[in-house]
């Protein structure tokens, strides 16, 4: 007599064949792209554009937290004046934020009415 126990203990084949296993994986990868990778690339490109547009007279903050005004610009470096007689030279990659000269010189024109 043939024993049916080994036949009953076998796993059933996955529903939908082999493609059914890959659909959730593909959906997870698409979600990762739109939630993590795409916004990170967008922010990175914005940082590159900001660093390329640094001009003399802009107020900047470096990655190390040094505040100052740009006194000179070359292709790879930025000279930042931090005191009357002190100017430091940094790589462009060290600039974290830029406040353009036009923003810094504009007076605050908001009128609060009560």
N, C-alpha and C. Protein backbone atom coordinates (compact mmCIF):
# COMPACT_ATOMS: atom_id res chain seq x y z
N UNK A 1 0.83 -1.17 0.00
CA UNK A 1 0.00 0.00 0.00
C UNK A 1 0.89 1.25 0.00
N UNK A 2 0.47 2.24 -0.74
CA UNK A 2 1.25 3.46 -0.89
C UNK A 2 0.86 4.43 0.23
N UNK A 3 1.85 5.01 0.83
CA UNK A 3 1.61 5.95 1.92
C UNK A 3 1.32 7.34 1.34
N UNK A 4 0.24 7.97 1.78
CA UNK A 4 -0.15 9.30 1.31
C UNK A 4 0.44 10.43 2.16
N UNK A 5 1.05 10.07 3.26
CA UNK A 5 1.59 11.07 4.16
C UNK A 5 2.66 11.96 3.49
N UNK A 6 3.64 11.44 2.74
CA UNK A 6 4.61 12.33 2.10
C UNK A 6 3.98 13.26 1.07
N UNK A 7 2.94 12.85 0.40
CA UNK A 7 2.28 13.70 -0.58
C UNK A 7 1.52 14.84 0.10
N UNK A 8 0.96 14.59 1.25
CA UNK A 8 0.22 15.62 1.97
C UNK A 8 1.15 16.64 2.64
N UNK A 9 2.38 16.24 2.93
CA UNK A 9 3.31 17.12 3.62
C UNK A 9 4.02 18.10 2.68
N UNK A 10 3.87 17.93 1.37
CA UNK A 10 4.54 18.82 0.42
C UNK A 10 3.87 20.19 0.39
N UNK A 11 4.69 21.22 0.11
CA UNK A 11 4.16 22.57 -0.01
C UNK A 11 3.41 22.71 -1.32
N UNK A 12 2.39 23.53 -1.27
CA UNK A 12 1.64 23.81 -2.48
C UNK A 12 2.42 24.83 -3.32
N UNK A 13 2.33 24.77 -4.64
CA UNK A 13 3.03 25.75 -5.47
C UNK A 13 2.44 27.14 -5.24
N UNK A 14 3.26 28.20 -5.38
CA UNK A 14 2.75 29.56 -5.14
C UNK A 14 1.66 29.92 -6.13
N UNK A 15 0.69 30.65 -5.63
CA UNK A 15 -0.44 31.05 -6.47
C UNK A 15 0.05 32.06 -7.51
N UNK A 16 -0.36 31.93 -8.72
CA UNK A 16 0.02 32.86 -9.77
C UNK A 16 1.39 32.58 -10.35
N UNK A 17 2.00 31.46 -10.03
CA UNK A 17 3.31 31.13 -10.57
C UNK A 17 4.41 31.94 -9.91
N UNK A 18 5.54 32.07 -10.58
CA UNK A 18 6.70 32.77 -10.06
C UNK A 18 6.54 34.28 -10.08
N UNK A 19 5.70 34.80 -10.96
CA UNK A 19 5.51 36.24 -11.07
C UNK A 19 4.82 36.82 -9.84
N UNK A 20 4.02 36.03 -9.17
CA UNK A 20 3.30 36.50 -7.99
C UNK A 20 4.22 36.90 -6.85
N UNK A 21 5.41 36.33 -6.80
CA UNK A 21 6.36 36.67 -5.74
C UNK A 21 7.06 37.99 -6.04
N UNK A 22 7.23 38.33 -7.30
CA UNK A 22 8.01 39.51 -7.66
C UNK A 22 7.20 40.80 -7.66
N UNK A 23 5.90 40.71 -7.77
CA UNK A 23 5.06 41.92 -7.81
C UNK A 23 5.20 42.73 -6.52
N UNK A 24 5.11 42.14 -5.33
CA UNK A 24 5.29 42.94 -4.11
C UNK A 24 6.70 43.54 -4.00
N UNK A 25 7.71 42.79 -4.45
CA UNK A 25 9.08 43.31 -4.41
C UNK A 25 9.23 44.52 -5.33
N UNK A 26 8.64 44.46 -6.50
CA UNK A 26 8.70 45.57 -7.44
C UNK A 26 7.97 46.78 -6.87
N UNK A 27 6.82 46.57 -6.26
CA UNK A 27 6.08 47.67 -5.65
C UNK A 27 6.88 48.33 -4.52
N UNK A 28 7.57 47.54 -3.73
CA UNK A 28 8.38 48.08 -2.64
C UNK A 28 9.53 48.91 -3.21
N UNK A 29 10.15 48.45 -4.28
CA UNK A 29 11.24 49.21 -4.90
C UNK A 29 10.74 50.53 -5.47
N UNK A 30 9.58 50.53 -6.08
CA UNK A 30 9.01 51.77 -6.62
C UNK A 30 8.70 52.74 -5.49
N UNK A 31 8.16 52.24 -4.40
CA UNK A 31 7.87 53.10 -3.25
C UNK A 31 9.16 53.71 -2.68
N UNK A 32 10.21 52.90 -2.55
CA UNK A 32 11.49 53.42 -2.07
C UNK A 32 12.00 54.53 -2.97
N UNK A 33 11.86 54.36 -4.28
CA UNK A 33 12.34 55.38 -5.21
C UNK A 33 11.61 56.70 -4.97
N UNK A 34 10.28 56.65 -4.92
CA UNK A 34 9.52 57.89 -4.79
C UNK A 34 9.56 58.49 -3.39
N UNK A 35 9.76 57.68 -2.37
CA UNK A 35 9.76 58.20 -1.00
C UNK A 35 11.16 58.61 -0.54
N UNK A 36 12.20 57.88 -0.93
CA UNK A 36 13.54 58.15 -0.42
C UNK A 36 14.51 58.69 -1.47
N UNK A 37 14.67 58.01 -2.57
CA UNK A 37 15.73 58.32 -3.51
C UNK A 37 15.46 59.60 -4.28
N UNK A 38 14.28 59.77 -4.82
CA UNK A 38 13.97 60.94 -5.64
C UNK A 38 14.06 62.26 -4.86
N UNK A 39 13.46 62.37 -3.67
CA UNK A 39 13.60 63.62 -2.92
C UNK A 39 15.05 63.93 -2.53
N UNK A 40 15.83 62.88 -2.24
CA UNK A 40 17.23 63.09 -1.87
C UNK A 40 18.02 63.64 -3.06
N UNK A 41 17.80 63.11 -4.24
CA UNK A 41 18.48 63.61 -5.44
C UNK A 41 18.06 65.05 -5.74
N UNK A 42 16.79 65.35 -5.55
CA UNK A 42 16.29 66.70 -5.79
C UNK A 42 16.97 67.70 -4.85
N UNK A 43 17.08 67.36 -3.59
CA UNK A 43 17.73 68.23 -2.62
C UNK A 43 19.22 68.38 -2.92
N UNK A 44 19.85 67.31 -3.37
CA UNK A 44 21.27 67.35 -3.70
C UNK A 44 21.52 68.28 -4.90
N UNK A 45 20.65 68.22 -5.90
CA UNK A 45 20.78 69.12 -7.05
C UNK A 45 20.56 70.57 -6.65
N UNK A 46 19.63 70.82 -5.74
CA UNK A 46 19.38 72.18 -5.27
C UNK A 46 20.61 72.71 -4.52
N UNK A 47 21.27 71.87 -3.73
CA UNK A 47 22.50 72.28 -3.03
C UNK A 47 23.60 72.63 -4.03
N UNK A 48 23.74 71.82 -5.09
CA UNK A 48 24.77 72.09 -6.10
C UNK A 48 24.51 73.43 -6.79
N UNK A 49 23.26 73.70 -7.14
CA UNK A 49 22.93 74.96 -7.80
C UNK A 49 23.21 76.13 -6.87
N UNK A 50 22.85 75.98 -5.58
CA UNK A 50 23.08 77.04 -4.61
C UNK A 50 24.58 77.33 -4.49
N UNK A 51 25.40 76.30 -4.45
CA UNK A 51 26.85 76.49 -4.31
C UNK A 51 27.46 77.10 -5.57
N UNK A 52 26.91 76.77 -6.73
CA UNK A 52 27.43 77.34 -7.98
C UNK A 52 27.09 78.83 -8.09
N UNK A 53 26.01 79.26 -7.47
CA UNK A 53 25.54 80.64 -7.58
C UNK A 53 26.04 81.54 -6.46
N UNK A 54 27.02 81.11 -5.68
CA UNK A 54 27.58 81.95 -4.61
C UNK A 54 28.30 83.12 -5.26
N UNK A 55 28.01 84.32 -4.79
CA UNK A 55 28.61 85.55 -5.33
C UNK A 55 29.27 86.34 -4.20
N UNK A 56 30.16 87.23 -4.58
CA UNK A 56 30.82 88.11 -3.60
C UNK A 56 29.75 88.99 -2.96
N UNK A 57 29.77 89.07 -1.65
CA UNK A 57 28.81 89.87 -0.90
C UNK A 57 27.69 89.04 -0.29
N UNK A 58 27.57 87.78 -0.67
CA UNK A 58 26.53 86.91 -0.09
C UNK A 58 26.92 86.54 1.34
N UNK A 59 25.94 86.46 2.20
CA UNK A 59 26.16 85.96 3.56
C UNK A 59 25.99 84.45 3.51
N UNK A 60 26.95 83.73 4.11
CA UNK A 60 26.93 82.26 4.06
C UNK A 60 27.17 81.68 5.45
N UNK A 61 26.79 80.41 5.58
CA UNK A 61 27.11 79.61 6.76
C UNK A 61 27.75 78.33 6.25
N UNK A 62 28.91 77.98 6.82
CA UNK A 62 29.59 76.77 6.39
C UNK A 62 29.04 75.55 7.11
N UNK A 63 29.48 74.39 6.66
CA UNK A 63 29.07 73.14 7.29
C UNK A 63 29.53 73.10 8.74
N UNK A 64 30.66 73.73 9.02
CA UNK A 64 31.19 73.78 10.39
C UNK A 64 30.54 74.82 11.27
N UNK A 65 29.64 75.63 10.71
CA UNK A 65 28.91 76.61 11.50
C UNK A 65 29.53 78.00 11.51
N UNK A 66 30.47 78.26 10.63
CA UNK A 66 31.10 79.58 10.57
C UNK A 66 30.24 80.50 9.71
N UNK A 67 29.87 81.66 10.28
CA UNK A 67 29.07 82.66 9.57
C UNK A 67 30.01 83.73 9.03
N UNK A 68 29.71 84.19 7.82
CA UNK A 68 30.54 85.25 7.26
C UNK A 68 29.99 85.74 5.93
N UNK A 69 30.76 86.63 5.31
CA UNK A 69 30.37 87.21 4.02
C UNK A 69 31.42 86.82 2.99
N UNK A 70 30.97 86.45 1.80
CA UNK A 70 31.88 86.01 0.74
C UNK A 70 32.68 87.21 0.26
N UNK A 71 34.02 87.07 0.28
CA UNK A 71 34.89 88.15 -0.18
C UNK A 71 35.62 87.79 -1.46
N UNK A 72 35.58 86.53 -1.87
CA UNK A 72 36.23 86.10 -3.10
C UNK A 72 35.73 84.74 -3.52
N UNK A 73 35.68 84.51 -4.84
CA UNK A 73 35.16 83.24 -5.36
C UNK A 73 36.07 82.76 -6.49
N UNK A 74 36.45 81.48 -6.47
CA UNK A 74 37.13 80.83 -7.58
C UNK A 74 36.31 79.62 -7.98
N UNK A 75 36.84 78.84 -8.92
CA UNK A 75 36.09 77.66 -9.38
C UNK A 75 35.84 76.66 -8.26
N UNK A 76 36.83 76.45 -7.39
CA UNK A 76 36.71 75.41 -6.37
C UNK A 76 36.63 75.95 -4.95
N UNK A 77 37.00 77.20 -4.73
CA UNK A 77 37.05 77.72 -3.37
C UNK A 77 36.24 79.00 -3.21
N UNK A 78 35.94 79.30 -1.95
CA UNK A 78 35.22 80.51 -1.58
C UNK A 78 35.96 81.13 -0.40
N UNK A 79 36.29 82.42 -0.49
CA UNK A 79 36.91 83.14 0.63
C UNK A 79 35.80 83.82 1.41
N UNK A 80 35.78 83.57 2.71
CA UNK A 80 34.72 84.10 3.56
C UNK A 80 35.34 85.03 4.60
N UNK A 81 34.85 86.25 4.63
CA UNK A 81 35.31 87.24 5.60
C UNK A 81 34.49 87.07 6.87
N UNK A 82 35.17 86.70 7.96
CA UNK A 82 34.47 86.46 9.22
C UNK A 82 34.68 87.58 10.23
N UNK A 83 35.72 88.40 10.03
CA UNK A 83 35.99 89.55 10.89
C UNK A 83 36.64 90.62 10.02
N UNK A 84 36.91 91.79 10.61
CA UNK A 84 37.47 92.89 9.83
C UNK A 84 38.77 92.52 9.12
N UNK A 85 39.65 91.82 9.79
CA UNK A 85 40.95 91.50 9.19
C UNK A 85 41.15 89.99 9.01
N UNK A 86 40.07 89.21 9.03
CA UNK A 86 40.20 87.76 8.95
C UNK A 86 39.32 87.23 7.82
N UNK A 87 39.98 86.58 6.85
CA UNK A 87 39.27 85.96 5.74
C UNK A 87 39.74 84.50 5.66
N UNK A 88 38.80 83.58 5.58
CA UNK A 88 39.11 82.15 5.52
C UNK A 88 38.73 81.61 4.15
N UNK A 89 39.50 80.63 3.68
CA UNK A 89 39.23 80.04 2.38
C UNK A 89 38.66 78.63 2.57
N UNK A 90 37.53 78.34 1.93
CA UNK A 90 36.86 77.05 2.04
C UNK A 90 36.59 76.48 0.65
N UNK A 91 36.44 75.16 0.58
CA UNK A 91 35.92 74.54 -0.64
C UNK A 91 34.47 74.95 -0.79
N UNK A 92 33.99 74.95 -2.03
CA UNK A 92 32.58 75.28 -2.25
C UNK A 92 31.66 74.27 -1.55
N UNK A 93 32.12 73.04 -1.42
CA UNK A 93 31.30 72.00 -0.77
C UNK A 93 31.09 72.28 0.71
N UNK A 94 31.90 73.15 1.31
CA UNK A 94 31.77 73.45 2.73
C UNK A 94 30.68 74.48 3.01
N UNK A 95 30.12 75.08 1.97
CA UNK A 95 29.06 76.07 2.17
C UNK A 95 27.73 75.33 2.37
N UNK A 96 27.10 75.57 3.52
CA UNK A 96 25.85 74.88 3.83
C UNK A 96 24.64 75.69 3.39
N UNK A 97 24.60 76.97 3.70
CA UNK A 97 23.48 77.83 3.33
C UNK A 97 24.00 79.16 2.82
N UNK A 98 23.20 79.77 1.93
CA UNK A 98 23.56 81.06 1.35
C UNK A 98 22.37 81.99 1.48
N UNK A 99 22.64 83.20 1.98
CA UNK A 99 21.63 84.25 1.98
C UNK A 99 22.14 85.30 1.01
N UNK A 100 21.46 85.47 -0.10
CA UNK A 100 21.97 86.36 -1.14
C UNK A 100 22.06 87.80 -0.66
N UNK A 101 22.92 88.58 -1.32
CA UNK A 101 23.14 89.96 -0.92
C UNK A 101 21.87 90.79 -1.03
N UNK A 102 21.07 90.52 -2.05
CA UNK A 102 19.85 91.30 -2.23
C UNK A 102 18.88 91.09 -1.07
N UNK A 103 18.82 89.88 -0.56
CA UNK A 103 17.95 89.61 0.60
C UNK A 103 18.49 90.29 1.85
N UNK A 104 19.80 90.28 2.02
CA UNK A 104 20.40 90.83 3.23
C UNK A 104 20.28 92.34 3.29
N UNK A 105 20.29 93.01 2.12
CA UNK A 105 20.27 94.46 2.11
C UNK A 105 18.87 95.04 2.07
N UNK A 106 17.86 94.22 1.76
CA UNK A 106 16.49 94.73 1.71
C UNK A 106 15.98 95.00 3.11
N UNK A 107 15.41 96.17 3.36
CA UNK A 107 14.85 96.43 4.69
C UNK A 107 13.55 95.64 4.85
N UNK A 108 13.22 95.38 6.07
CA UNK A 108 11.98 94.68 6.37
C UNK A 108 10.82 95.66 6.18
N UNK A 109 9.98 95.40 5.16
CA UNK A 109 8.93 96.35 4.81
C UNK A 109 7.55 95.88 5.26
N UNK A 110 7.47 94.91 6.10
CA UNK A 110 6.18 94.42 6.56
C UNK A 110 5.55 95.45 7.50
N UNK A 111 4.31 95.73 7.26
CA UNK A 111 3.58 96.67 8.11
C UNK A 111 2.52 95.87 8.85
N UNK A 112 2.56 95.94 10.15
CA UNK A 112 1.58 95.21 10.96
C UNK A 112 0.53 96.20 11.42
N UNK A 113 -0.69 95.94 11.00
CA UNK A 113 -1.81 96.81 11.39
C UNK A 113 -2.60 96.13 12.49
N UNK A 114 -2.98 96.89 13.47
CA UNK A 114 -3.77 96.27 14.55
C UNK A 114 -5.13 96.89 14.64
